[in-house]
Amino acid sequence: MPDTFTFPYQLPKEITLVYGEAGTGKTTVITRRIAYLIEQGVKPEEILALAFGEKAAGEMEERVDQLLP
């Protein structure tokens, strides 16, 4: 992976792009961000998180559930 990554488009500030190699903590960053947004009053149905597979998506959902009271 290159030392720097340039995304070819300007993203709105409401969008978070997490990019990294395996084992760098991407899932942790995403799940904590989702939990934070929900705690701040964002409705879960207004949050879109994408994963590469069903297993990863299920793991993210479980982690968010564990972080929230």
Protein backbone atom coordinates (compact mmCIF):
# COMPACT_ATOMS: atom_id res chain seq x y z
CA MET A 1 0.00 0.00 0.00
CA PRO A 2 1.36 3.46 -0.80
CA ASP A 3 2.31 5.78 2.07
CA THR A 4 -0.46 8.16 1.06
CA PHE A 5 -3.86 7.57 -0.45
CA THR A 6 -5.64 10.18 -2.51
CA PHE A 7 -9.34 9.70 -3.07
CA PRO A 8 -10.22 11.03 -6.53
CA TYR A 9 -13.43 12.75 -5.39
CA GLN A 10 -14.25 15.41 -2.82
CA LEU A 11 -16.42 13.75 -0.18
CA PRO A 12 -19.07 15.66 1.76
CA LYS A 13 -18.05 16.12 5.40
CA GLU A 14 -20.89 13.81 6.48
CA ILE A 15 -19.19 10.86 4.77
CA THR A 16 -16.37 8.94 6.41
CA LEU A 17 -14.10 6.83 4.23
CA VAL A 18 -12.00 4.24 6.06
CA TYR A 19 -9.26 2.65 3.99
CA GLY A 20 -6.46 0.36 5.14
CA GLU A 21 -4.85 -3.04 4.98
CA ALA A 22 -5.98 -6.10 6.90
CA GLY A 23 -5.50 -5.81 10.64
CA THR A 24 -5.26 -2.02 10.77
CA GLY A 25 -8.44 -1.45 12.80
CA LYS A 26 -10.93 -0.45 10.12
CA THR A 27 -13.81 -2.39 11.67
CA THR A 28 -13.07 -0.91 15.09
CA VAL A 29 -13.07 2.62 13.66
CA ILE A 30 -16.33 2.05 11.79
CA THR A 31 -18.19 0.40 14.67
CA ARG A 32 -17.11 3.04 17.18
CA ARG A 33 -18.14 5.80 14.77
CA ILE A 34 -21.58 4.19 14.28
CA ALA A 35 -22.05 3.81 18.05
CA TYR A 36 -21.01 7.45 18.56
CA LEU A 37 -23.47 8.68 15.92
CA ILE A 38 -26.31 6.71 17.53
CA GLU A 39 -25.40 8.10 20.96
CA GLN A 40 -25.54 11.60 19.45
CA GLY A 41 -29.11 11.02 18.30
CA VAL A 42 -28.68 9.82 14.73
CA LYS A 43 -31.28 7.17 13.95
CA PRO A 44 -29.73 3.79 13.10
CA GLU A 45 -31.83 3.58 9.93
CA GLU A 46 -30.12 6.78 8.71
CA ILE A 47 -26.63 5.22 8.88
CA LEU A 48 -25.17 3.29 5.95
CA ALA A 49 -22.11 1.11 6.50
CA LEU A 50 -20.77 -1.17 3.79
CA ALA A 51 -18.74 -4.34 4.24
CA PHE A 52 -17.24 -6.73 1.72
CA GLY A 53 -19.16 -9.75 2.93
CA GLU A 54 -22.03 -10.94 5.08
CA LYS A 55 -19.69 -12.26 7.75
CA ALA A 56 -17.97 -8.88 8.13
CA ALA A 57 -21.32 -7.07 8.11
CA GLY A 58 -22.64 -9.33 10.87
CA GLU A 59 -19.48 -8.79 12.90
CA MET A 60 -19.84 -5.02 12.60
CA GLU A 61 -23.47 -5.21 13.72
CA GLU A 62 -22.52 -7.35 16.74
CA ARG A 63 -19.73 -4.96 17.73
CA VAL A 64 -22.04 -1.94 17.55
CA ASP A 65 -24.60 -3.78 19.70
CA GLN A 66 -21.88 -4.49 22.30
CA LEU A 67 -20.83 -0.83 22.41
CA LEU A 68 -24.33 0.55 22.98
CA PRO A 69 -26.12 0.33 26.33
